[in-house]
C-alpha atoms as a PDB file:
ATOM      1  CA  MET A   1     -98.040   6.976 -34.322  1.00  0.00           C
ATOM      2  CA  ASP A   2     -95.328   7.027 -31.630  1.00  0.00           C
ATOM      3  CA  ILE A   3     -93.111   4.806 -33.766  1.00  0.00           C
ATOM      4  CA  ILE A   4     -93.528   7.182 -36.709  1.00  0.00           C
ATOM      5  CA  LYS A   5     -92.562  10.118 -34.517  1.00  0.00           C
ATOM      6  CA  LEU A   6     -89.586   8.146 -33.254  1.00  0.00           C
ATOM      7  CA  ILE A   7     -88.104   7.393 -36.683  1.00  0.00           C
ATOM      8  CA  ARG A   8     -88.860  10.917 -38.045  1.00  0.00           C
ATOM      9  CA  PRO A   9     -89.616  10.214 -41.731  1.00  0.00           C
ATOM     10  CA  THR A  10     -89.998  13.962 -42.352  1.00  0.00           C
ATOM     11  CA  GLN A  11     -86.218  14.207 -41.885  1.00  0.00           C
ATOM     12  CA  TRP A  12     -85.647  11.878 -44.840  1.00  0.00           C
ATOM     13  CA  CYS A  13     -85.699  14.865 -47.182  1.00  0.00           C
ATOM     14  CA  LYS A  14     -82.098  15.543 -46.062  1.00  0.00           C
ATOM     15  CA  ASN A  15     -81.108  12.354 -47.862  1.00  0.00           C
ATOM     16  CA  LEU A  16     -82.207  13.752 -51.231  1.00  0.00           C
ATOM     17  CA  PHE A  17     -78.610  15.005 -51.406  1.00  0.00           C
ATOM     18  CA  VAL A  18     -77.650  11.512 -52.619  1.00  0.00           C
ATOM     19  CA  PHE A  19     -79.236  12.372 -55.988  1.00  0.00           C
ATOM     20  CA  LEU A  20     -77.163  15.517 -56.584  1.00  0.00           C
ATOM     21  CA  PRO A  21     -74.018  13.868 -58.049  1.00  0.00           C
ATOM     22  CA  LEU A  22     -76.120  11.986 -60.620  1.00  0.00           C
ATOM     23  CA  PHE A  23     -78.178  15.073 -61.451  1.00  0.00           C
ATOM     24  CA  PHE A  24     -75.153  17.297 -62.061  1.00  0.00           C
ATOM     25  CA  ALA A  25     -73.367  14.552 -63.977  1.00  0.00           C
ATOM     26  CA  GLY A  26     -76.147  14.838 -66.582  1.00  0.00           C
ATOM     27  CA  ASN A  27     -77.175  11.186 -66.214  1.00  0.00           C
ATOM     28  CA  PHE A  28     -80.413  11.544 -64.277  1.00  0.00           C
ATOM     29  CA  GLY A  29     -82.328   9.835 -67.076  1.00  0.00           C
ATOM     30  CA  ASP A  30     -80.046   6.779 -67.004  1.00  0.00           C
ATOM     31  CA  MET A  31     -82.128   4.186 -65.148  1.00  0.00           C
ATOM     32  CA  SER A  32     -79.116   1.941 -64.553  1.00  0.00           C
ATOM     33  CA  ARG A  33     -77.711   4.758 -62.403  1.00  0.00           C
ATOM     34  CA  LEU A  34     -80.952   6.262 -61.097  1.00  0.00           C
ATOM     35  CA  ILE A  35     -82.380   3.051 -59.622  1.00  0.00           C
ATOM     36  CA  PRO A  36     -79.317   2.435 -57.378  1.00  0.00           C
ATOM     37  CA  CYS A  37     -79.657   6.038 -56.170  1.00  0.00           C
ATOM     38  CA  ILE A  38     -83.311   5.468 -55.301  1.00  0.00           C
ATOM     39  CA  VAL A  39     -82.377   2.317 -53.407  1.00  0.00           C
ATOM     40  CA  ILE A  40     -79.557   4.053 -51.551  1.00  0.00           C
ATOM     41  CA  PHE A  41     -81.921   6.900 -50.651  1.00  0.00           C
ATOM     42  CA  PHE A  42     -84.207   4.493 -48.782  1.00  0.00           C
ATOM     43  CA  VAL A  43     -81.259   2.600 -47.302  1.00  0.00           C
ATOM     44  CA  ILE A  44     -79.638   5.713 -45.848  1.00  0.00           C
ATOM     45  CA  SER A  45     -83.057   6.996 -44.730  1.00  0.00           C
ATOM     46  CA  LEU A  46     -83.653   3.813 -42.707  1.00  0.00           C
ATOM     47  CA  LEU A  47     -80.133   4.105 -41.315  1.00  0.00           C
ATOM     48  CA  SER A  48     -80.768   7.756 -40.411  1.00  0.00           C
ATOM     49  CA  SER A  49     -83.962   6.757 -38.613  1.00  0.00           C
ATOM     50  CA  SER A  50     -82.031   4.186 -36.588  1.00  0.00           C
ATOM     51  CA  VAL A  51     -79.629   6.978 -35.591  1.00  0.00           C
ATOM     52  CA  TYR A  52     -82.542   9.222 -34.533  1.00  0.00           C
ATOM     53  CA  VAL A  53     -83.833   6.432 -32.291  1.00  0.00           C
ATOM     54  CA  PHE A  54     -80.366   5.886 -30.789  1.00  0.00           C
ATOM     55  CA  ASN A  55     -79.956   9.627 -30.243  1.00  0.00           C
ATOM     56  CA  ASP A  56     -83.292   9.841 -28.418  1.00  0.00           C
ATOM     57  CA  LEU A  57     -82.226   6.888 -26.273  1.00  0.00           C
ATOM     58  CA  CYS A  58     -79.049   8.699 -25.285  1.00  0.00           C
ATOM     59  CA  ASP A  59     -80.931  11.939 -24.552  1.00  0.00           C
ATOM     60  CA  ALA A  60     -84.009  10.435 -22.860  1.00  0.00           C
ATOM     61  CA  GLN A  61     -83.168  11.686 -19.373  1.00  0.00           C
ATOM     62  CA  PHE A  62     -82.106  15.111 -20.659  1.00  0.00           C
ATOM     63  CA  ASP A  63     -85.190  15.431 -22.917  1.00  0.00           C
ATOM     64  CA  SER A  64     -87.560  14.493 -20.081  1.00  0.00           C
ATOM     65  CA  ARG A  65     -86.680  17.798 -18.363  1.00  0.00           C
ATOM     66  CA  HIS A  66     -87.121  19.835 -21.542  1.00  0.00           C
ATOM     67  CA  PRO A  67     -90.463  21.700 -21.992  1.00  0.00           C
ATOM     68  CA  GLU A  68     -90.823  20.601 -25.636  1.00  0.00           C
ATOM     69  CA  LYS A  69     -88.678  17.487 -26.056  1.00  0.00           C
ATOM     70  CA  CYS A  70     -90.332  15.884 -23.025  1.00  0.00           C
ATOM     71  CA  HIS A  71     -93.175  14.940 -25.367  1.00  0.00           C
ATOM     72  CA  ARG A  72     -90.931  12.743 -27.511  1.00  0.00           C
ATOM     73  CA  PRO A  73     -91.928   9.052 -27.414  1.00  0.00           C
ATOM     74  CA  ILE A  74     -88.967   7.806 -25.340  1.00  0.00           C
ATOM     75  CA  ALA A  75     -88.645  10.835 -23.044  1.00  0.00           C
ATOM     76  CA  SER A  76     -92.372  10.717 -22.252  1.00  0.00           C
ATOM     77  CA  GLY A  77     -92.278   6.970 -21.580  1.00  0.00           C
ATOM     78  CA  ARG A  78     -94.769   6.102 -24.324  1.00  0.00           C
ATOM     79  CA  VAL A  79     -92.071   3.958 -25.956  1.00  0.00           C
ATOM     80  CA  SER A  80     -89.895   1.927 -23.584  1.00  0.00           C
ATOM     81  CA  LYS A  81     -86.111   2.054 -23.891  1.00  0.00           C
ATOM     82  CA  ALA A  82     -85.992  -1.681 -24.564  1.00  0.00           C
ATOM     83  CA  ARG A  83     -88.463  -1.358 -27.432  1.00  0.00           C
ATOM     84  CA  ALA A  84     -86.653   1.685 -28.804  1.00  0.00           C
ATOM     85  CA  PHE A  85     -83.319  -0.147 -28.733  1.00  0.00           C
ATOM     86  CA  ALA A  86     -84.908  -3.068 -30.598  1.00  0.00           C
ATOM     87  CA  ILE A  87     -86.199  -0.631 -33.237  1.00  0.00           C
ATOM     88  CA  PHE A  88     -82.733   0.892 -33.556  1.00  0.00           C
ATOM     89  CA  ILE A  89     -81.136  -2.524 -34.126  1.00  0.00           C
ATOM     90  CA  PHE A  90     -83.886  -3.596 -36.541  1.00  0.00           C
ATOM     91  CA  LEU A  91     -83.629  -0.483 -38.719  1.00  0.00           C
ATOM     92  CA  ALA A  92     -79.825  -0.606 -38.815  1.00  0.00           C
ATOM     93  CA  ILE A  93     -79.765  -4.288 -39.802  1.00  0.00           C
ATOM     94  CA  LEU A  94     -82.606  -3.834 -42.308  1.00  0.00           C
ATOM     95  CA  SER A  95     -80.760  -1.045 -44.103  1.00  0.00           C
ATOM     96  CA  PHE A  96     -77.629  -3.164 -44.563  1.00  0.00           C
ATOM     97  CA  VAL A  97     -79.669  -6.218 -45.611  1.00  0.00           C
ATOM     98  CA  ILE A  98     -81.461  -4.194 -48.298  1.00  0.00           C
ATOM     99  CA  LEU A  99     -78.104  -2.878 -49.493  1.00  0.00           C
ATOM    100  CA  ALA A 100     -76.576  -6.371 -49.608  1.00  0.00           C
ATOM    101  CA  VAL A 101     -79.525  -7.766 -51.560  1.00  0.00           C
ATOM    102  CA  THR A 102     -79.963  -4.916 -54.049  1.00  0.00           C
ATOM    103  CA  ILE A 103     -76.485  -3.350 -54.447  1.00  0.00           C
ATOM    104  CA  PRO A 104     -73.811  -5.792 -53.243  1.00  0.00           C
ATOM    105  CA  SER A 105     -71.087  -3.138 -53.118  1.00  0.00           C
ATOM    106  CA  VAL A 106     -68.277  -3.371 -50.586  1.00  0.00           C
ATOM    107  CA  GLU A 107     -67.553   0.337 -51.082  1.00  0.00           C
ATOM    108  CA  LEU A 108     -71.112   1.355 -50.217  1.00  0.00           C
ATOM    109  CA  PHE A 109     -71.227  -1.088 -47.320  1.00  0.00           C
ATOM    110  CA  VAL A 110     -68.087   0.465 -45.829  1.00  0.00           C
ATOM    111  CA  MET A 111     -69.285   4.039 -46.433  1.00  0.00           C
ATOM    112  CA  LEU A 112     -72.625   3.385 -44.775  1.00  0.00           C
ATOM    113  CA  GLY A 113     -70.832   1.657 -41.923  1.00  0.00           C
ATOM    114  CA  VAL A 114     -68.677   4.746 -41.433  1.00  0.00           C
ATOM    115  CA  TYR A 115     -71.797   6.925 -41.617  1.00  0.00           C
ATOM    116  CA  LEU A 116     -73.471   4.859 -38.881  1.00  0.00           C
ATOM    117  CA  LEU A 117     -70.371   4.711 -36.673  1.00  0.00           C
ATOM    118  CA  LEU A 118     -69.765   8.460 -36.886  1.00  0.00           C
ATOM    119  CA  ASN A 119     -73.379   9.227 -36.030  1.00  0.00           C
ATOM    120  CA  LEU A 120     -73.289   6.903 -33.042  1.00  0.00           C
ATOM    121  CA  CYS A 121     -70.143   8.699 -31.848  1.00  0.00           C
ATOM    122  CA  TYR A 122     -71.953  11.995 -32.358  1.00  0.00           C
ATOM    123  CA  SER A 123     -74.907  10.871 -30.231  1.00  0.00           C
ATOM    124  CA  LEU A 124     -72.656   9.554 -27.472  1.00  0.00           C
ATOM    125  CA  TRP A 125     -69.998  12.263 -27.332  1.00  0.00           C
ATOM    126  CA  LEU A 126     -69.273  14.595 -30.241  1.00  0.00           C
ATOM    127  CA  LYS A 127     -72.492  16.627 -30.037  1.00  0.00           C
ATOM    128  CA  SER A 128     -71.367  17.939 -26.658  1.00  0.00           C
ATOM    129  CA  LEU A 129     -68.267  19.543 -28.180  1.00  0.00           C
ATOM    130  CA  SER A 130     -68.818  23.085 -29.432  1.00  0.00           C
ATOM    131  CA  LEU A 131     -67.775  23.836 -33.026  1.00  0.00           C
ATOM    132  CA  ILE A 132     -67.011  20.157 -33.610  1.00  0.00           C
ATOM    133  CA  ASP A 133     -70.749  19.464 -33.571  1.00  0.00           C
ATOM    134  CA  LEU A 134     -71.271  22.059 -36.323  1.00  0.00           C
ATOM    135  CA  PHE A 135     -68.577  20.684 -38.590  1.00  0.00           C
ATOM    136  CA  PHE A 136     -69.592  17.092 -37.921  1.00  0.00           C
ATOM    137  CA  ILE A 137     -73.122  17.630 -39.236  1.00  0.00           C
ATOM    138  CA  SER A 138     -71.735  19.362 -42.324  1.00  0.00           C
ATOM    139  CA  VAL A 139     -69.357  16.453 -42.951  1.00  0.00           C
ATOM    140  CA  CYS A 140     -72.282  14.030 -42.732  1.00  0.00           C
ATOM    141  CA  PHE A 141     -73.910  15.877 -45.642  1.00  0.00           C
ATOM    142  CA  ILE A 142     -70.707  15.421 -47.631  1.00  0.00           C
ATOM    143  CA  LEU A 143     -70.918  11.706 -46.811  1.00  0.00           C
ATOM    144  CA  ARG A 144     -74.393  11.669 -48.348  1.00  0.00           C
ATOM    145  CA  ILE A 145     -72.938  13.181 -51.516  1.00  0.00           C
ATOM    146  CA  LEU A 146     -70.135  10.611 -51.646  1.00  0.00           C
ATOM    147  CA  ILE A 147     -72.538   7.734 -51.007  1.00  0.00           C
ATOM    148  CA  GLY A 148     -74.851   8.964 -53.767  1.00  0.00           C
ATOM    149  CA  ALA A 149     -71.915   9.316 -56.157  1.00  0.00           C
ATOM    150  CA  ALA A 150     -70.733   5.795 -55.376  1.00  0.00           C
ATOM    151  CA  ALA A 151     -74.234   4.391 -55.940  1.00  0.00           C
ATOM    152  CA  ALA A 152     -74.549   6.207 -59.280  1.00  0.00           C
ATOM    153  CA  GLN A 153     -70.934   5.434 -60.221  1.00  0.00           C
ATOM    154  CA  VAL A 154     -70.155   9.044 -61.039  1.00  0.00           C
ATOM    155  CA  GLU A 155     -67.316  11.284 -59.908  1.00  0.00           C
ATOM    156  CA  PRO A 156     -68.531  14.174 -57.703  1.00  0.00           C
ATOM    157  CA  SER A 157     -66.914  17.504 -58.490  1.00  0.00           C
ATOM    158  CA  HIS A 158     -65.027  19.397 -55.811  1.00  0.00           C
ATOM    159  CA  TRP A 159     -67.580  22.181 -56.214  1.00  0.00           C
ATOM    160  CA  ILE A 160     -70.540  20.052 -55.129  1.00  0.00           C
ATOM    161  CA  ILE A 161     -68.625  18.925 -52.057  1.00  0.00           C
ATOM    162  CA  VAL A 162     -67.611  22.469 -51.099  1.00  0.00           C
ATOM    163  CA  MET A 163     -71.086  23.906 -51.668  1.00  0.00           C
ATOM    164  CA  THR A 164     -72.804  21.101 -49.754  1.00  0.00           C
ATOM    165  CA  PHE A 165     -70.481  21.612 -46.794  1.00  0.00           C
ATOM    166  CA  LEU A 166     -71.052  25.384 -46.734  1.00  0.00           C
ATOM    167  CA  LEU A 167     -74.827  25.116 -47.090  1.00  0.00           C
ATOM    168  CA  ALA A 168     -75.042  22.520 -44.318  1.00  0.00           C
ATOM    169  CA  LEU A 169     -72.855  24.670 -42.057  1.00  0.00           C
ATOM    170  CA  PHE A 170     -75.068  27.697 -42.738  1.00  0.00           C
ATOM    171  CA  LEU A 171     -78.237  25.750 -41.864  1.00  0.00           C
ATOM    172  CA  VAL A 172     -76.845  24.221 -38.686  1.00  0.00           C
ATOM    173  CA  LEU A 173     -75.601  27.625 -37.513  1.00  0.00           C
ATOM    174  CA  ALA A 174     -79.104  29.027 -38.022  1.00  0.00           C
ATOM    175  CA  LYS A 175     -80.476  26.113 -36.026  1.00  0.00           C
ATOM    176  CA  ARG A 176     -77.983  26.732 -33.221  1.00  0.00           C
ATOM    177  CA  ARG A 177     -79.023  30.387 -33.128  1.00  0.00           C
ATOM    178  CA  ASP A 178     -82.551  29.304 -32.270  1.00  0.00           C
ATOM    179  CA  ASP A 179     -81.167  27.164 -29.421  1.00  0.00           C
ATOM    180  CA  VAL A 180     -79.027  30.028 -28.107  1.00  0.00           C
ATOM    181  CA  LEU A 181     -81.929  32.487 -28.364  1.00  0.00           C
ATOM    182  CA  LYS A 182     -84.163  30.216 -26.286  1.00  0.00           C
ATOM    183  CA  PHE A 183     -81.419  29.781 -23.716  1.00  0.00           C
ATOM    184  CA  GLU A 184     -80.684  33.510 -23.379  1.00  0.00           C
ATOM    185  CA  THR A 185     -84.360  34.522 -23.177  1.00  0.00           C
ATOM    186  CA  SER A 186     -85.790  31.701 -21.064  1.00  0.00           C
ATOM    187  CA  HIS A 187     -82.684  29.908 -19.710  1.00  0.00           C
ATOM    188  CA  ILE A 188     -83.990  26.657 -21.182  1.00  0.00           C
ATOM    189  CA  VAL A 189     -81.014  24.408 -21.972  1.00  0.00           C
ATOM    190  CA  VAL A 190     -82.120  22.854 -25.270  1.00  0.00           C
ATOM    191  CA  ARG A 191     -78.645  21.459 -26.042  1.00  0.00           C
ATOM    192  CA  ARG A 192     -75.794  20.406 -23.778  1.00  0.00           C
ATOM    193  CA  ASN A 193     -73.207  22.714 -25.361  1.00  0.00           C
ATOM    194  CA  VAL A 194     -75.519  25.706 -25.797  1.00  0.00           C
ATOM    195  CA  LYS A 195     -73.570  27.636 -23.136  1.00  0.00           C
ATOM    196  CA  SER A 196     -70.502  27.515 -25.400  1.00  0.00           C
ATOM    197  CA  TYR A 197     -72.212  29.879 -27.839  1.00  0.00           C
ATOM    198  CA  ASN A 198     -73.824  33.305 -27.674  1.00  0.00           C
ATOM    199  CA  LEU A 199     -75.866  35.367 -30.123  1.00  0.00           C
ATOM    200  CA  ALA A 200     -72.988  37.665 -31.071  1.00  0.00           C
ATOM    201  CA  PHE A 201     -70.777  34.747 -32.089  1.00  0.00           C
ATOM    202  CA  ILE A 202     -73.555  32.866 -33.894  1.00  0.00           C
ATOM    203  CA  ASP A 203     -74.739  35.983 -35.757  1.00  0.00           C
ATOM    204  CA  HIS A 204     -71.230  36.770 -36.992  1.00  0.00           C
ATOM    205  CA  ALA A 205     -70.675  33.141 -37.967  1.00  0.00           C
ATOM    206  CA  ILE A 206     -73.962  32.951 -39.919  1.00  0.00           C
ATOM    207  CA  THR A 207     -73.179  36.178 -41.778  1.00  0.00           C
ATOM    208  CA  LEU A 208     -69.641  35.000 -42.584  1.00  0.00           C
ATOM    209  CA  VAL A 209     -70.717  31.571 -43.834  1.00  0.00           C
ATOM    210  CA  ALA A 210     -73.607  33.030 -45.864  1.00  0.00           C
ATOM    211  CA  ALA A 211     -71.206  35.426 -47.603  1.00  0.00           C
ATOM    212  CA  ILE A 212     -68.658  32.678 -48.289  1.00  0.00           C
ATOM    213  CA  THR A 213     -71.425  30.414 -49.609  1.00  0.00           C
ATOM    214  CA  LEU A 214     -72.695  33.026 -52.047  1.00  0.00           C
ATOM    215  CA  VAL A 215     -69.222  33.988 -53.291  1.00  0.00           C
ATOM    216  CA  SER A 216     -68.247  30.325 -53.685  1.00  0.00           C
ATOM    217  CA  TYR A 217     -71.424  29.616 -55.625  1.00  0.00           C
ATOM    218  CA  ILE A 218     -70.826  32.515 -58.012  1.00  0.00           C
ATOM    219  CA  MET A 219     -67.246  31.290 -58.537  1.00  0.00           C
ATOM    220  CA  TYR A 220     -68.684  27.866 -59.351  1.00  0.00           C
ATOM    221  CA  THR A 221     -71.090  29.268 -61.940  1.00  0.00           C
ATOM    222  CA  VAL A 222     -68.363  31.143 -63.824  1.00  0.00           C
ATOM    223  CA  ASP A 223     -65.727  28.411 -63.598  1.00  0.00           C
ATOM    224  CA  ASP A 224     -64.482  27.518 -67.100  1.00  0.00           C
ATOM    225  CA  GLU A 225     -64.678  23.797 -66.389  1.00  0.00           C
ATOM    226  CA  ILE A 226     -68.342  24.090 -65.374  1.00  0.00           C
ATOM    227  CA  THR A 227     -69.404  26.263 -68.302  1.00  0.00           C
ATOM    228  CA  GLN A 228     -67.653  23.895 -70.714  1.00  0.00           C
ATOM    229  CA  ARG A 229     -69.167  20.796 -69.130  1.00  0.00           C
ATOM    230  CA  PHE A 230     -72.689  22.207 -69.378  1.00  0.00           C
ATOM    231  CA  ASP A 231     -71.928  23.954 -72.675  1.00  0.00           C
ATOM    232  CA  CYS A 232     -73.574  27.078 -71.272  1.00  0.00           C
ATOM    233  CA  ASN A 233     -72.163  30.513 -70.460  1.00  0.00           C
ATOM    234  CA  TYR A 234     -75.177  31.528 -68.395  1.00  0.00           C
ATOM    235  CA  VAL A 235     -74.906  29.182 -65.416  1.00  0.00           C
ATOM    236  CA  TYR A 236     -74.478  32.301 -63.274  1.00  0.00           C
ATOM    237  CA  ALA A 237     -78.183  33.027 -63.857  1.00  0.00           C
ATOM    238  CA  THR A 238     -78.958  30.392 -61.205  1.00  0.00           C
ATOM    239  CA  SER A 239     -77.287  32.661 -58.629  1.00  0.00           C
ATOM    240  CA  ILE A 240     -80.461  34.745 -58.329  1.00  0.00           C
ATOM    241  CA  PHE A 241     -82.298  31.804 -56.736  1.00  0.00           C
ATOM    242  CA  VAL A 242     -79.399  31.097 -54.371  1.00  0.00           C
ATOM    243  CA  LEU A 243     -79.210  34.750 -53.291  1.00  0.00           C
ATOM    244  CA  ALA A 244     -82.976  34.955 -52.816  1.00  0.00           C
ATOM    245  CA  GLY A 245     -82.991  31.708 -50.833  1.00  0.00           C
ATOM    246  CA  LEU A 246     -80.145  32.807 -48.571  1.00  0.00           C
ATOM    247  CA  LEU A 247     -81.761  36.189 -47.906  1.00  0.00           C
ATOM    248  CA  ARG A 248     -85.101  34.553 -47.126  1.00  0.00           C
ATOM    249  CA  TYR A 249     -83.447  32.137 -44.703  1.00  0.00           C
ATOM    250  CA  LEU A 250     -81.595  35.013 -43.043  1.00  0.00           C
ATOM    251  CA  GLN A 251     -84.939  36.804 -42.708  1.00  0.00           C
ATOM    252  CA  ILE A 252     -86.456  33.708 -41.075  1.00  0.00           C
ATOM    253  CA  THR A 253     -83.444  33.464 -38.760  1.00  0.00           C
ATOM    254  CA  PHE A 254     -82.953  37.097 -37.706  1.00  0.00           C
ATOM    255  CA  VAL A 255     -86.393  38.679 -38.148  1.00  0.00           C
ATOM    256  CA  GLU A 256     -88.886  35.873 -37.617  1.00  0.00           C
ATOM    257  CA  LYS A 257     -86.551  34.000 -35.235  1.00  0.00           C
ATOM    258  CA  ASN A 258     -87.883  30.656 -36.390  1.00  0.00           C
ATOM    259  CA  SER A 259     -84.866  28.710 -37.666  1.00  0.00           C
ATOM    260  CA  GLY A 260     -84.981  25.911 -35.094  1.00  0.00           C
ATOM    261  CA  SER A 261     -85.790  23.209 -37.637  1.00  0.00           C
ATOM    262  CA  PRO A 262     -84.367  23.600 -41.170  1.00  0.00           C
ATOM    263  CA  THR A 263     -86.554  20.722 -42.382  1.00  0.00           C
ATOM    264  CA  LYS A 264     -89.756  22.378 -41.163  1.00  0.00           C
ATOM    265  CA  VAL A 265     -88.655  25.714 -42.606  1.00  0.00           C
ATOM    266  CA  VAL A 266     -88.106  24.235 -46.072  1.00  0.00           C
ATOM    267  CA  LEU A 267     -91.299  22.144 -45.965  1.00  0.00           C
ATOM    268  CA  HIS A 268     -93.512  25.074 -44.937  1.00  0.00           C
ATOM    269  CA  ASP A 269     -92.009  28.235 -46.417  1.00  0.00           C
ATOM    270  CA  ARG A 270     -93.445  28.883 -49.894  1.00  0.00           C
ATOM    271  CA  PHE A 271     -90.816  31.459 -50.858  1.00  0.00           C
ATOM    272  CA  LEU A 272     -87.974  29.045 -50.151  1.00  0.00           C
ATOM    273  CA  GLN A 273     -89.795  26.309 -52.042  1.00  0.00           C
ATOM    274  CA  LEU A 274     -90.148  28.598 -55.065  1.00  0.00           C
ATOM    275  CA  CYS A 275     -86.421  29.390 -54.915  1.00  0.00           C
ATOM    276  CA  ILE A 276     -85.524  25.695 -54.790  1.00  0.00           C
ATOM    277  CA  VAL A 277     -87.926  24.725 -57.571  1.00  0.00           C
ATOM    278  CA  GLY A 278     -86.776  27.639 -59.754  1.00  0.00           C
ATOM    279  CA  TRP A 279     -83.129  26.705 -59.178  1.00  0.00           C
ATOM    280  CA  ILE A 280     -83.782  23.061 -60.078  1.00  0.00           C
ATOM    281  CA  LEU A 281     -85.821  23.875 -63.179  1.00  0.00           C
ATOM    282  CA  LEU A 282     -83.194  26.278 -64.478  1.00  0.00           C
ATOM    283  CA  PHE A 283     -80.498  23.633 -64.026  1.00  0.00           C
ATOM    284  CA  VAL A 284     -82.713  21.055 -65.731  1.00  0.00           C
ATOM    285  CA  PHE A 285     -82.858  23.414 -68.715  1.00  0.00           C
ATOM    286  CA  ILE A 286     -79.094  24.096 -68.609  1.00  0.00           C
ATOM    287  CA  ILE A 287     -77.985  20.472 -68.196  1.00  0.00           C
ATOM    288  CA  TYR A 288     -80.696  18.532 -70.015  1.00  0.00           C
ATOM    289  CA  GLY A 289     -82.305  21.113 -72.304  1.00  0.00           C
END
């Protein structure tokens, strides 16, 4: 059980972004493209788990003084640092071995290597730098898109890259707000750079990014290139699900004050799940119907 908690399989849902380029390219039913995407999903998930283990190793001393994170396997001492480091190495090597055996692609090997290297730098240094930590996480989501596109051998549009970056930035800002709120109410330092932010700044940033995200999405839905590619003049109808989802997440963030874990929010909030499912189904009809 401690090993499962250490590798955080519930966080693997973030890696579903690798399927987006194939889905929007209209080739989701092409098994020759879908199977490599499925493989790369598990490869990047194993690699992500290795990063989570490495991150917990780096933060073990800091987490041990935290009222909630002190219960993590390494911080609590239930998993030794030596064992955790061995798990990190094993998962990282396993992911590259699976890639080499199933999809012997130099491009993917390099991209995953960059993904791993950047995340190790984040765990060691970059996450302590305010603002840079926000943009770094958003860039990692773009990397997922690019890796998925390379696996499926499709060209990702500039729109999917822009929208992924904005959505990731919105979610990480909401997560940071939860950290700042805990710090200002209880003086619990849940993150090393939490003192570089305050609620006024975070609230303005969330509102700004949410507005930019919505406007950008509407521009995407009415873009001539997009309507011609999908042969549909009603792509803008999907905006209702995006607006509803953004408003619900803002409600969770500002009213319920429970935006600390985007993954948990999405996995437990029925309204958000309905928005996501409705958005997907409408696009399935538009692209494949």
